[in-house]
């Protein structure tokens, strides 16, 4: 079961986050949320053309790694998945502190850039 994660800063495990993002289906999910959208699983199912079970499983992996968070609507039944604001410095950019992902960039720009120590 997924439990709501707070938007407070966390110490993400880089290996866990990168492993979660290392799957094309999960990366597509993050791409869908990179602009700041909070999406229910059913919407991701429609957008990606995958089964509910497969999307839920992949979202659970992203959530466990801390790459996404969930909040529940007023009815408490529908979870909206999103990338916490602290990891989105601007639309289309996801920055987990140890890597920065840019979505919707031109071919001349790298898609992922790793932070320098």
PDB file of N, CA and C in Angstrom:
ATOM      1  N   UNK A   1       0.844  -1.191   0.000  1.00  0.00           N
ATOM      2  CA  UNK A   1       0.000   0.000   0.000  1.00  0.00           C
ATOM      3  C   UNK A   1       0.878   1.239   0.000  1.00  0.00           C
ATOM      4  N   UNK A   2       0.473   2.264  -0.720  1.00  0.00           N
ATOM      5  CA  UNK A   2       1.219   3.504  -0.797  1.00  0.00           C
ATOM      6  C   UNK A   2       0.709   4.474   0.262  1.00  0.00           C
ATOM      7  N   UNK A   3       1.627   5.136   0.914  1.00  0.00           N
ATOM      8  CA  UNK A   3       1.285   6.113   1.941  1.00  0.00           C
ATOM      9  C   UNK A   3       1.801   7.464   1.484  1.00  0.00           C
ATOM     10  N   UNK A   4       1.038   8.523   1.748  1.00  0.00           N
ATOM     11  CA  UNK A   4       1.416   9.862   1.290  1.00  0.00           C
ATOM     12  C   UNK A   4       2.761  10.271   1.858  1.00  0.00           C
ATOM     13  N   UNK A   5       3.597  10.826   1.010  1.00  0.00           N
ATOM     14  CA  UNK A   5       4.913  11.306   1.385  1.00  0.00           C
ATOM     15  C   UNK A   5       4.849  12.816   1.527  1.00  0.00           C
ATOM     16  N   UNK A   6       5.554  13.350   2.497  1.00  0.00           N
ATOM     17  CA  UNK A   6       5.539  14.798   2.685  1.00  0.00           C
ATOM     18  C   UNK A   6       6.433  15.464   1.646  1.00  0.00           C
ATOM     19  N   UNK A   7       6.218  16.746   1.426  1.00  0.00           N
ATOM     20  CA  UNK A   7       7.057  17.495   0.493  1.00  0.00           C
ATOM     21  C   UNK A   7       8.322  18.030   1.145  1.00  0.00           C
ATOM     22  N   UNK A   8       8.609  17.633   2.374  1.00  0.00           N
ATOM     23  CA  UNK A   8       9.815  18.113   3.025  1.00  0.00           C
ATOM     24  C   UNK A   8      11.036  17.437   2.411  1.00  0.00           C
ATOM     25  N   UNK A   9      12.198  18.106   2.453  1.00  0.00           N
ATOM     26  CA  UNK A   9      13.396  17.527   1.851  1.00  0.00           C
ATOM     27  C   UNK A   9      13.710  16.164   2.457  1.00  0.00           C
ATOM     28  N   UNK A  10      14.146  15.262   1.615  1.00  0.00           N
ATOM     29  CA  UNK A  10      14.510  13.924   2.057  1.00  0.00           C
ATOM     30  C   UNK A  10      15.899  13.593   1.573  1.00  0.00           C
ATOM     31  N   UNK A  11      16.467  12.588   2.165  1.00  0.00           N
ATOM     32  CA  UNK A  11      17.753  12.084   1.707  1.00  0.00           C
ATOM     33  C   UNK A  11      17.476  10.920   0.780  1.00  0.00           C
ATOM     34  N   UNK A  12      17.409  11.209  -0.502  1.00  0.00           N
ATOM     35  CA  UNK A  12      17.144  10.175  -1.481  1.00  0.00           C
ATOM     36  C   UNK A  12      18.376   9.315  -1.687  1.00  0.00           C
ATOM     37  N   UNK A  13      18.156   8.041  -1.906  1.00  0.00           N
ATOM     38  CA  UNK A  13      19.232   7.114  -2.241  1.00  0.00           C
ATOM     39  C   UNK A  13      19.432   7.186  -3.755  1.00  0.00           C
ATOM     40  N   UNK A  14      20.565   7.726  -4.207  1.00  0.00           N
ATOM     41  CA  UNK A  14      20.776   7.874  -5.652  1.00  0.00           C
ATOM     42  C   UNK A  14      20.652   6.560  -6.416  1.00  0.00           C
ATOM     43  N   UNK A  15      21.137   5.466  -5.842  1.00  0.00           N
ATOM     44  CA  UNK A  15      21.069   4.177  -6.529  1.00  0.00           C
ATOM     45  C   UNK A  15      19.613   3.747  -6.708  1.00  0.00           C
ATOM     46  N   UNK A  16      18.795   3.915  -5.671  1.00  0.00           N
ATOM     47  CA  UNK A  16      17.383   3.526  -5.750  1.00  0.00           C
ATOM     48  C   UNK A  16      16.635   4.372  -6.775  1.00  0.00           C
ATOM     49  N   UNK A  17      16.873   5.689  -6.775  1.00  0.00           N
ATOM     50  CA  UNK A  17      16.176   6.567  -7.721  1.00  0.00           C
ATOM     51  C   UNK A  17      16.616   6.270  -9.151  1.00  0.00           C
ATOM     52  N   UNK A  18      17.905   6.138  -9.363  1.00  0.00           N
ATOM     53  CA  UNK A  18      18.391   5.864 -10.720  1.00  0.00           C
ATOM     54  C   UNK A  18      17.949   4.491 -11.204  1.00  0.00           C
ATOM     55  N   UNK A  19      17.890   3.509 -10.310  1.00  0.00           N
ATOM     56  CA  UNK A  19      17.397   2.180 -10.689  1.00  0.00           C
ATOM     57  C   UNK A  19      15.925   2.269 -11.084  1.00  0.00           C
ATOM     58  N   UNK A  20      15.152   3.043 -10.330  1.00  0.00           N
ATOM     59  CA  UNK A  20      13.730   3.209 -10.653  1.00  0.00           C
ATOM     60  C   UNK A  20      13.556   3.915 -11.991  1.00  0.00           C
ATOM     61  N   UNK A  21      14.387   4.905 -12.265  1.00  0.00           N
ATOM     62  CA  UNK A  21      14.286   5.659 -13.513  1.00  0.00           C
ATOM     63  C   UNK A  21      14.893   4.921 -14.695  1.00  0.00           C
ATOM     64  N   UNK A  22      15.629   3.847 -14.414  1.00  0.00           N
ATOM     65  CA  UNK A  22      16.312   3.095 -15.459  1.00  0.00           C
ATOM     66  C   UNK A  22      15.415   2.165 -16.259  1.00  0.00           C
ATOM     67  N   UNK A  23      14.133   2.310 -16.120  1.00  0.00           N
ATOM     68  CA  UNK A  23      13.152   1.513 -16.855  1.00  0.00           C
ATOM     69  C   UNK A  23      12.386   2.465 -17.766  1.00  0.00           C
ATOM     70  N   UNK A  24      12.285   2.131 -19.033  1.00  0.00           N
ATOM     71  CA  UNK A  24      11.662   3.039 -20.001  1.00  0.00           C
ATOM     72  C   UNK A  24      10.219   3.377 -19.625  1.00  0.00           C
ATOM     73  N   UNK A  25       9.476   2.426 -19.084  1.00  0.00           N
ATOM     74  CA  UNK A  25       8.090   2.697 -18.705  1.00  0.00           C
ATOM     75  C   UNK A  25       8.010   3.671 -17.534  1.00  0.00           C
ATOM     76  N   UNK A  26       8.872   3.495 -16.541  1.00  0.00           N
ATOM     77  CA  UNK A  26       8.856   4.410 -15.392  1.00  0.00           C
ATOM     78  C   UNK A  26       9.361   5.794 -15.792  1.00  0.00           C
ATOM     79  N   UNK A  27      10.329   5.845 -16.689  1.00  0.00           N
ATOM     80  CA  UNK A  27      10.812   7.140 -17.162  1.00  0.00           C
ATOM     81  C   UNK A  27       9.705   7.871 -17.922  1.00  0.00           C
ATOM     82  N   UNK A  28       8.876   7.148 -18.666  1.00  0.00           N
ATOM     83  CA  UNK A  28       7.744   7.766 -19.352  1.00  0.00           C
ATOM     84  C   UNK A  28       6.759   8.355 -18.339  1.00  0.00           C
ATOM     85  N   UNK A  29       6.574   7.681 -17.222  1.00  0.00           N
ATOM     86  CA  UNK A  29       5.673   8.196 -16.181  1.00  0.00           C
ATOM     87  C   UNK A  29       6.211   9.494 -15.603  1.00  0.00           C
ATOM     88  N   UNK A  30       7.507   9.531 -15.323  1.00  0.00           N
ATOM     89  CA  UNK A  30       8.127  10.750 -14.797  1.00  0.00           C
ATOM     90  C   UNK A  30       8.024  11.859 -15.832  1.00  0.00           C
ATOM     91  N   UNK A  31       8.195  11.522 -17.091  1.00  0.00           N
ATOM     92  CA  UNK A  31       8.058  12.503 -18.166  1.00  0.00           C
ATOM     93  C   UNK A  31       6.666  13.134 -18.141  1.00  0.00           C
ATOM     94  N   UNK A  32       5.635  12.327 -17.910  1.00  0.00           N
ATOM     95  CA  UNK A  32       4.261  12.824 -17.851  1.00  0.00           C
ATOM     96  C   UNK A  32       4.064  13.820 -16.709  1.00  0.00           C
ATOM     97  N   UNK A  33       4.821  13.657 -15.612  1.00  0.00           N
ATOM     98  CA  UNK A  33       4.646  14.507 -14.433  1.00  0.00           C
ATOM     99  C   UNK A  33       5.677  15.627 -14.325  1.00  0.00           C
ATOM    100  N   UNK A  34       6.656  15.672 -15.225  1.00  0.00           N
ATOM    101  CA  UNK A  34       7.752  16.639 -15.129  1.00  0.00           C
ATOM    102  C   UNK A  34       7.306  18.089 -15.202  1.00  0.00           C
ATOM    103  N   UNK A  35       6.174  18.338 -15.816  1.00  0.00           N
ATOM    104  CA  UNK A  35       5.668  19.707 -15.920  1.00  0.00           C
ATOM    105  C   UNK A  35       4.909  20.171 -14.690  1.00  0.00           C
ATOM    106  N   UNK A  36       4.755  19.294 -13.701  1.00  0.00           N
ATOM    107  CA  UNK A  36       4.070  19.670 -12.473  1.00  0.00           C
ATOM    108  C   UNK A  36       2.691  19.058 -12.323  1.00  0.00           C
ATOM    109  N   UNK A  37       2.296  18.213 -13.263  1.00  0.00           N
ATOM    110  CA  UNK A  37       0.980  17.583 -13.207  1.00  0.00           C
ATOM    111  C   UNK A  37       0.921  16.539 -12.092  1.00  0.00           C
ATOM    112  N   UNK A  38      -0.213  16.487 -11.403  1.00  0.00           N
ATOM    113  CA  UNK A  38      -0.510  15.418 -10.452  1.00  0.00           C
ATOM    114  C   UNK A  38      -1.519  14.518 -11.144  1.00  0.00           C
ATOM    115  N   UNK A  39      -1.162  13.244 -11.325  1.00  0.00           N
ATOM    116  CA  UNK A  39      -1.974  12.356 -12.148  1.00  0.00           C
ATOM    117  C   UNK A  39      -2.417  11.110 -11.384  1.00  0.00           C
ATOM    118  N   UNK A  40      -3.665  10.703 -11.591  1.00  0.00           N
ATOM    119  CA  UNK A  40      -4.102   9.416 -11.048  1.00  0.00           C
ATOM    120  C   UNK A  40      -3.584   8.285 -11.938  1.00  0.00           C
ATOM    121  N   UNK A  41      -3.500   7.105 -11.386  1.00  0.00           N
ATOM    122  CA  UNK A  41      -3.006   5.967 -12.162  1.00  0.00           C
ATOM    123  C   UNK A  41      -3.843   5.748 -13.416  1.00  0.00           C
ATOM    124  N   UNK A  42      -5.159   5.902 -13.309  1.00  0.00           N
ATOM    125  CA  UNK A  42      -6.016   5.671 -14.479  1.00  0.00           C
ATOM    126  C   UNK A  42      -5.639   6.566 -15.657  1.00  0.00           C
ATOM    127  N   UNK A  43      -5.242   7.794 -15.381  1.00  0.00           N
ATOM    128  CA  UNK A  43      -4.837   8.695 -16.467  1.00  0.00           C
ATOM    129  C   UNK A  43      -3.522   8.242 -17.086  1.00  0.00           C
ATOM    130  N   UNK A  44      -2.596   7.755 -16.253  1.00  0.00           N
ATOM    131  CA  UNK A  44      -1.334   7.221 -16.778  1.00  0.00           C
ATOM    132  C   UNK A  44      -1.584   5.967 -17.606  1.00  0.00           C
ATOM    133  N   UNK A  45      -2.525   5.140 -17.181  1.00  0.00           N
ATOM    134  CA  UNK A  45      -2.887   3.938 -17.941  1.00  0.00           C
ATOM    135  C   UNK A  45      -3.332   4.335 -19.346  1.00  0.00           C
ATOM    136  N   UNK A  46      -4.223   5.324 -19.434  1.00  0.00           N
ATOM    137  CA  UNK A  46      -4.704   5.786 -20.743  1.00  0.00           C
ATOM    138  C   UNK A  46      -3.582   6.415 -21.570  1.00  0.00           C
ATOM    139  N   UNK A  47      -2.793   7.261 -20.966  1.00  0.00           N
ATOM    140  CA  UNK A  47      -1.738   7.975 -21.698  1.00  0.00           C
ATOM    141  C   UNK A  47      -0.656   7.030 -22.219  1.00  0.00           C
ATOM    142  N   UNK A  48      -0.339   6.006 -21.444  1.00  0.00           N
ATOM    143  CA  UNK A  48       0.761   5.113 -21.811  1.00  0.00           C
ATOM    144  C   UNK A  48       0.300   3.840 -22.502  1.00  0.00           C
ATOM    145  N   UNK A  49      -1.018   3.578 -22.488  1.00  0.00           N
ATOM    146  CA  UNK A  49      -1.529   2.385 -23.141  1.00  0.00           C
ATOM    147  C   UNK A  49      -1.084   1.087 -22.495  1.00  0.00           C
ATOM    148  N   UNK A  50      -0.954   1.110 -21.194  1.00  0.00           N
ATOM    149  CA  UNK A  50      -0.520  -0.078 -20.437  1.00  0.00           C
ATOM    150  C   UNK A  50      -1.628  -0.498 -19.484  1.00  0.00           C
ATOM    151  N   UNK A  51      -1.485  -1.664 -18.877  1.00  0.00           N
ATOM    152  CA  UNK A  51      -2.502  -2.151 -17.944  1.00  0.00           C
ATOM    153  C   UNK A  51      -2.398  -1.420 -16.605  1.00  0.00           C
ATOM    154  N   UNK A  52      -3.516  -1.388 -15.898  1.00  0.00           N
ATOM    155  CA  UNK A  52      -3.548  -0.766 -14.572  1.00  0.00           C
ATOM    156  C   UNK A  52      -2.523  -1.433 -13.652  1.00  0.00           C
ATOM    157  N   UNK A  53      -2.497  -2.758 -13.671  1.00  0.00           N
ATOM    158  CA  UNK A  53      -1.587  -3.510 -12.794  1.00  0.00           C
ATOM    159  C   UNK A  53      -0.122  -3.148 -13.072  1.00  0.00           C
ATOM    160  N   UNK A  54       0.248  -3.051 -14.343  1.00  0.00           N
ATOM    161  CA  UNK A  54       1.631  -2.726 -14.708  1.00  0.00           C
ATOM    162  C   UNK A  54       2.000  -1.304 -14.288  1.00  0.00           C
ATOM    163  N   UNK A  55       1.093  -0.361 -14.523  1.00  0.00           N
ATOM    164  CA  UNK A  55       1.359   1.030 -14.152  1.00  0.00           C
ATOM    165  C   UNK A  55       1.440   1.162 -12.627  1.00  0.00           C
ATOM    166  N   UNK A  56       0.545   0.508 -11.918  1.00  0.00           N
ATOM    167  CA  UNK A  56       0.565   0.558 -10.449  1.00  0.00           C
ATOM    168  C   UNK A  56       1.872  -0.009  -9.911  1.00  0.00           C
ATOM    169  N   UNK A  57       2.315  -1.121 -10.466  1.00  0.00           N
ATOM    170  CA  UNK A  57       3.572  -1.734 -10.024  1.00  0.00           C
ATOM    171  C   UNK A  57       4.752  -0.782 -10.253  1.00  0.00           C
ATOM    172  N   UNK A  58       4.812  -0.190 -11.449  1.00  0.00           N
ATOM    173  CA  UNK A  58       5.913   0.733 -11.743  1.00  0.00           C
ATOM    174  C   UNK A  58       5.834   1.992 -10.886  1.00  0.00           C
ATOM    175  N   UNK A  59       4.619   2.481 -10.631  1.00  0.00           N
ATOM    176  CA  UNK A  59       4.480   3.666  -9.787  1.00  0.00           C
ATOM    177  C   UNK A  59       4.915   3.359  -8.352  1.00  0.00           C
ATOM    178  N   UNK A  60       4.640   2.143  -7.889  1.00  0.00           N
ATOM    179  CA  UNK A  60       5.070   1.744  -6.547  1.00  0.00           C
ATOM    180  C   UNK A  60       6.601   1.748  -6.441  1.00  0.00           C
ATOM    181  N   UNK A  61       7.284   1.349  -7.514  1.00  0.00           N
ATOM    182  CA  UNK A  61       8.754   1.373  -7.528  1.00  0.00           C
ATOM    183  C   UNK A  61       9.253   2.817  -7.455  1.00  0.00           C
ATOM    184  N   UNK A  62       8.666   3.705  -8.256  1.00  0.00           N
ATOM    185  CA  UNK A  62       9.058   5.119  -8.225  1.00  0.00           C
ATOM    186  C   UNK A  62       8.786   5.734  -6.857  1.00  0.00           C
ATOM    187  N   UNK A  63       7.651   5.397  -6.274  1.00  0.00           N
ATOM    188  CA  UNK A  63       7.280   5.924  -4.967  1.00  0.00           C
ATOM    189  C   UNK A  63       8.239   5.421  -3.888  1.00  0.00           C
ATOM    190  N   UNK A  64       8.547   4.132  -3.900  1.00  0.00           N
ATOM    191  CA  UNK A  64       9.447   3.554  -2.898  1.00  0.00           C
ATOM    192  C   UNK A  64      10.834   4.192  -2.961  1.00  0.00           C
ATOM    193  N   UNK A  65      11.261   4.580  -4.156  1.00  0.00           N
ATOM    194  CA  UNK A  65      12.567   5.219  -4.328  1.00  0.00           C
ATOM    195  C   UNK A  65      12.541   6.694  -3.931  1.00  0.00           C
ATOM    196  N   UNK A  66      11.338   7.265  -3.790  1.00  0.00           N
ATOM    197  CA  UNK A  66      11.215   8.682  -3.453  1.00  0.00           C
ATOM    198  C   UNK A  66      11.185   9.597  -4.666  1.00  0.00           C
ATOM    199  N   UNK A  67      11.130   9.016  -5.863  1.00  0.00           N
ATOM    200  CA  UNK A  67      11.132   9.821  -7.086  1.00  0.00           C
ATOM    201  C   UNK A  67       9.806  10.524  -7.308  1.00  0.00           C
ATOM    202  N   UNK A  68       8.730   9.979  -6.760  1.00  0.00           N
ATOM    203  CA  UNK A  68       7.405  10.595  -6.841  1.00  0.00           C
ATOM    204  C   UNK A  68       6.744  10.519  -5.469  1.00  0.00           C
ATOM    205  N   UNK A  69       5.700  11.291  -5.316  1.00  0.00           N
ATOM    206  CA  UNK A  69       4.914  11.290  -4.077  1.00  0.00           C
ATOM    207  C   UNK A  69       3.450  11.101  -4.465  1.00  0.00           C
ATOM    208  N   UNK A  70       2.597  10.910  -3.473  1.00  0.00           N
ATOM    209  CA  UNK A  70       1.166  10.735  -3.730  1.00  0.00           C
ATOM    210  C   UNK A  70       0.386  11.545  -2.710  1.00  0.00           C
ATOM    211  N   UNK A  71      -0.709  12.123  -3.166  1.00  0.00           N
ATOM    212  CA  UNK A  71      -1.652  12.778  -2.258  1.00  0.00           C
ATOM    213  C   UNK A  71      -3.035  12.300  -2.655  1.00  0.00           C
ATOM    214  N   UNK A  72      -3.910  12.258  -1.689  1.00  0.00           N
ATOM    215  CA  UNK A  72      -5.245  11.723  -1.934  1.00  0.00           C
ATOM    216  C   UNK A  72      -6.266  12.840  -1.991  1.00  0.00           C
ATOM    217  N   UNK A  73      -7.262  12.663  -2.847  1.00  0.00           N
ATOM    218  CA  UNK A  73      -8.337  13.632  -2.984  1.00  0.00           C
ATOM    219  C   UNK A  73      -9.211  13.644  -1.752  1.00  0.00           C
ATOM    220  N   UNK A  74     -10.220  14.471  -1.783  1.00  0.00           N
ATOM    221  CA  UNK A  74     -11.120  14.620  -0.643  1.00  0.00           C
ATOM    222  C   UNK A  74     -11.800  13.315  -0.265  1.00  0.00           C
ATOM    223  N   UNK A  75     -12.063  12.465  -1.251  1.00  0.00           N
ATOM    224  CA  UNK A  75     -12.729  11.201  -0.952  1.00  0.00           C
ATOM    225  C   UNK A  75     -11.769  10.183  -0.337  1.00  0.00           C
ATOM    226  N   UNK A  76     -10.479  10.444  -0.389  1.00  0.00           N
ATOM    227  CA  UNK A  76      -9.480   9.558   0.196  1.00  0.00           C
ATOM    228  C   UNK A  76      -9.237   8.283  -0.600  1.00  0.00           C
ATOM    229  N   UNK A  77      -9.864   8.167  -1.753  1.00  0.00           N
ATOM    230  CA  UNK A  77      -9.741   6.938  -2.536  1.00  0.00           C
ATOM    231  C   UNK A  77      -8.803   7.074  -3.722  1.00  0.00           C
ATOM    232  N   UNK A  78      -8.835   8.186  -4.394  1.00  0.00           N
ATOM    233  CA  UNK A  78      -8.030   8.360  -5.601  1.00  0.00           C
ATOM    234  C   UNK A  78      -6.723   9.062  -5.257  1.00  0.00           C
ATOM    235  N   UNK A  79      -5.624   8.370  -5.531  1.00  0.00           N
ATOM    236  CA  UNK A  79      -4.312   8.952  -5.295  1.00  0.00           C
ATOM    237  C   UNK A  79      -3.840   9.700  -6.526  1.00  0.00           C
ATOM    238  N   UNK A  80      -3.304  10.887  -6.298  1.00  0.00           N
ATOM    239  CA  UNK A  80      -2.717  11.680  -7.374  1.00  0.00           C
ATOM    240  C   UNK A  80      -1.204  11.639  -7.200  1.00  0.00           C
ATOM    241  N   UNK A  81      -0.525  11.111  -8.186  1.00  0.00           N
ATOM    242  CA  UNK A  81       0.927  10.993  -8.134  1.00  0.00           C
ATOM    243  C   UNK A  81       1.557  12.225  -8.769  1.00  0.00           C
ATOM    244  N   UNK A  82       2.653  12.662  -8.182  1.00  0.00           N
ATOM    245  CA  UNK A  82       3.320  13.870  -8.664  1.00  0.00           C
ATOM    246  C   UNK A  82       4.784  13.845  -8.246  1.00  0.00           C
ATOM    247  N   UNK A  83       5.550  14.701  -8.883  1.00  0.00           N
ATOM    248  CA  UNK A  83       6.944  14.911  -8.484  1.00  0.00           C
ATOM    249  C   UNK A  83       6.933  16.106  -7.553  1.00  0.00           C
ATOM    250  N   UNK A  84       7.425  15.939  -6.314  1.00  0.00           N
ATOM    251  CA  UNK A  84       7.379  17.049  -5.356  1.00  0.00           C
ATOM    252  C   UNK A  84       8.040  18.316  -5.916  1.00  0.00           C
ATOM    253  N   UNK A  85       7.452  19.436  -5.563  1.00  0.00           N
ATOM    254  CA  UNK A  85       7.915  20.732  -6.049  1.00  0.00           C
ATOM    255  C   UNK A  85       9.401  20.968  -5.782  1.00  0.00           C
ATOM    256  N   UNK A  86       9.891  20.445  -4.667  1.00  0.00           N
ATOM    257  CA  UNK A  86      11.298  20.641  -4.330  1.00  0.00           C
ATOM    258  C   UNK A  86      12.234  20.026  -5.372  1.00  0.00           C
ATOM    259  N   UNK A  87      11.727  19.074  -6.165  1.00  0.00           N
ATOM    260  CA  UNK A  87      12.529  18.438  -7.208  1.00  0.00           C
ATOM    261  C   UNK A  87      12.243  19.009  -8.593  1.00  0.00           C
ATOM    262  N   UNK A  88      11.391  20.032  -8.674  1.00  0.00           N
ATOM    263  CA  UNK A  88      11.049  20.634  -9.952  1.00  0.00           C
ATOM    264  C   UNK A  88      11.366  22.124  -9.936  1.00  0.00           C
ATOM    265  N   UNK A  89      12.608  22.502 -10.219  1.00  0.00           N
ATOM    266  CA  UNK A  89      12.965  23.920 -10.190  1.00  0.00           C
ATOM    267  C   UNK A  89      12.233  24.743 -11.239  1.00  0.00           C
ATOM    268  N   UNK A  90      11.843  24.107 -12.334  1.00  0.00           N
ATOM    269  CA  UNK A  90      11.040  24.761 -13.370  1.00  0.00           C
ATOM    270  C   UNK A  90      10.369  23.663 -14.196  1.00  0.00           C
ATOM    271  N   UNK A  91       9.322  24.011 -14.931  1.00  0.00           N
ATOM    272  CA  UNK A  91       8.614  22.999 -15.719  1.00  0.00           C
ATOM    273  C   UNK A  91       9.548  22.281 -16.692  1.00  0.00           C
ATOM    274  N   UNK A  92       9.427  20.969 -16.734  1.00  0.00           N
ATOM    275  CA  UNK A  92      10.244  20.171 -17.640  1.00  0.00           C
ATOM    276  C   UNK A  92      11.594  19.783 -17.085  1.00  0.00           C
ATOM    277  N   UNK A  93      11.918  20.237 -15.872  1.00  0.00           N
ATOM    278  CA  UNK A  93      13.197  19.905 -15.246  1.00  0.00           C
ATOM    279  C   UNK A  93      12.916  19.213 -13.915  1.00  0.00           C
ATOM    280  N   UNK A  94      13.554  18.066 -13.725  1.00  0.00           N
ATOM    281  CA  UNK A  94      13.458  17.335 -12.467  1.00  0.00           C
ATOM    282  C   UNK A  94      14.880  17.230 -11.924  1.00  0.00           C
ATOM    283  N   UNK A  95      15.087  17.751 -10.728  1.00  0.00           N
ATOM    284  CA  UNK A  95      16.418  17.770 -10.115  1.00  0.00           C
ATOM    285  C   UNK A  95      16.350  17.074  -8.767  1.00  0.00           C
ATOM    286  N   UNK A  96      16.921  15.872  -8.697  1.00  0.00           N
ATOM    287  CA  UNK A  96      16.913  15.092  -7.462  1.00  0.00           C
ATOM    288  C   UNK A  96      18.130  15.399  -6.589  1.00  0.00           C
ATOM    289  N   UNK A  97      18.928  16.363  -6.973  1.00  0.00           N
ATOM    290  CA  UNK A  97      20.100  16.746  -6.193  1.00  0.00           C
ATOM    291  C   UNK A  97      21.370  16.097  -6.703  1.00  0.00           C
ATOM    292  N   UNK A  98      21.305  14.868  -7.097  1.00  0.00           N
ATOM    293  CA  UNK A  98      22.463  14.146  -7.616  1.00  0.00           C
ATOM    294  C   UNK A  98      22.386  13.982  -9.135  1.00  0.00           C
ATOM    295  N   UNK A  99      21.232  14.266  -9.720  1.00  0.00           N
ATOM    296  CA  UNK A  99      21.089  14.271 -11.182  1.00  0.00           C
ATOM    297  C   UNK A  99      19.953  15.208 -11.559  1.00  0.00           C
ATOM    298  N   UNK A 100      20.064  15.761 -12.736  1.00  0.00           N
ATOM    299  CA  UNK A 100      19.031  16.663 -13.252  1.00  0.00           C
ATOM    300  C   UNK A 100      18.561  16.107 -14.589  1.00  0.00           C
ATOM    301  N   UNK A 101      17.248  15.954 -14.711  1.00  0.00           N
ATOM    302  CA  UNK A 101      16.645  15.462 -15.942  1.00  0.00           C
ATOM    303  C   UNK A 101      15.900  16.607 -16.599  1.00  0.00           C
ATOM    304  N   UNK A 102      16.116  16.787 -17.892  1.00  0.00           N
ATOM    305  CA  UNK A 102      15.420  17.828 -18.633  1.00  0.00           C
ATOM    306  C   UNK A 102      14.563  17.169 -19.695  1.00  0.00           C
ATOM    307  N   UNK A 103      13.277  17.465 -19.666  1.00  0.00           N
ATOM    308  CA  UNK A 103      12.336  16.872 -20.604  1.00  0.00           C
ATOM    309  C   UNK A 103      11.886  17.934 -21.594  1.00  0.00           C
ATOM    310  N   UNK A 104      11.734  17.542 -22.855  1.00  0.00           N
ATOM    311  CA  UNK A 104      11.290  18.479 -23.878  1.00  0.00           C
ATOM    312  C   UNK A 104      12.370  19.441 -24.302  1.00  0.00           C
ATOM    313  N   UNK A 105      13.623  18.985 -24.292  1.00  0.00           N
ATOM    314  CA  UNK A 105      14.739  19.841 -24.684  1.00  0.00           C
ATOM    315  C   UNK A 105      15.094  19.571 -26.143  1.00  0.00           C
ATOM    316  N   UNK A 106      15.887  20.459 -26.715  1.00  0.00           N
ATOM    317  CA  UNK A 106      16.332  20.254 -28.091  1.00  0.00           C
ATOM    318  C   UNK A 106      17.381  19.155 -28.123  1.00  0.00           C
ATOM    319  N   UNK A 107      17.658  18.643 -29.313  1.00  0.00           N
ATOM    320  CA  UNK A 107      18.627  17.558 -29.449  1.00  0.00           C
ATOM    321  C   UNK A 107      20.030  17.982 -29.033  1.00  0.00           C
ATOM    322  N   UNK A 108      20.336  19.260 -29.093  1.00  0.00           N
ATOM    323  CA  UNK A 108      21.672  19.727 -28.749  1.00  0.00           C
ATOM    324  C   UNK A 108      21.931  19.693 -27.249  1.00  0.00           C
ATOM    325  N   UNK A 109      20.868  19.660 -26.459  1.00  0.00           N
ATOM    326  CA  UNK A 109      21.027  19.642 -25.012  1.00  0.00           C
ATOM    327  C   UNK A 109      20.987  18.216 -24.485  1.00  0.00           C
ATOM    328  N   UNK A 110      21.792  17.924 -23.446  1.00  0.00           N
ATOM    329  CA  UNK A 110      21.734  16.583 -22.868  1.00  0.00           C
ATOM    330  C   UNK A 110      20.408  16.395 -22.133  1.00  0.00           C
ATOM    331  N   UNK A 111      19.900  15.175 -22.133  1.00  0.00           N
ATOM    332  CA  UNK A 111      18.660  14.858 -21.418  1.00  0.00           C
ATOM    333  C   UNK A 111      18.926  14.738 -19.930  1.00  0.00           C
ATOM    334  N   UNK A 112      20.059  14.206 -19.552  1.00  0.00           N
ATOM    335  CA  UNK A 112      20.381  14.052 -18.129  1.00  0.00           C
ATOM    336  C   UNK A 112      21.751  14.642 -17.869  1.00  0.00           C
ATOM    337  N   UNK A 113      21.890  15.335 -16.765  1.00  0.00           N
ATOM    338  CA  UNK A 113      23.170  15.891 -16.360  1.00  0.00           C
ATOM    339  C   UNK A 113      23.398  15.506 -14.904  1.00  0.00           C
ATOM    340  N   UNK A 114      24.567  15.028 -14.579  1.00  0.00           N
ATOM    341  CA  UNK A 114      24.861  14.618 -13.213  1.00  0.00           C
ATOM    342  C   UNK A 114      25.534  15.755 -12.467  1.00  0.00           C
ATOM    343  N   UNK A 115      25.169  15.911 -11.206  1.00  0.00           N
ATOM    344  CA  UNK A 115      25.727  16.981 -10.377  1.00  0.00           C
ATOM    345  C   UNK A 115      27.211  16.713 -10.146  1.00  0.00           C
ATOM    346  N   UNK A 116      27.955  17.783 -10.110  1.00  0.00           N
ATOM    347  CA  UNK A 116      29.381  17.669  -9.810  1.00  0.00           C
ATOM    348  C   UNK A 116      29.591  17.806  -8.317  1.00  0.00           C
ATOM    349  N   UNK A 117      30.519  17.033  -7.784  1.00  0.00           N
ATOM    350  CA  UNK A 117      30.781  17.090  -6.326  1.00  0.00           C
ATOM    351  C   UNK A 117      31.441  18.370  -5.932  1.00  0.00           C
TER     352      UNK A 117
END
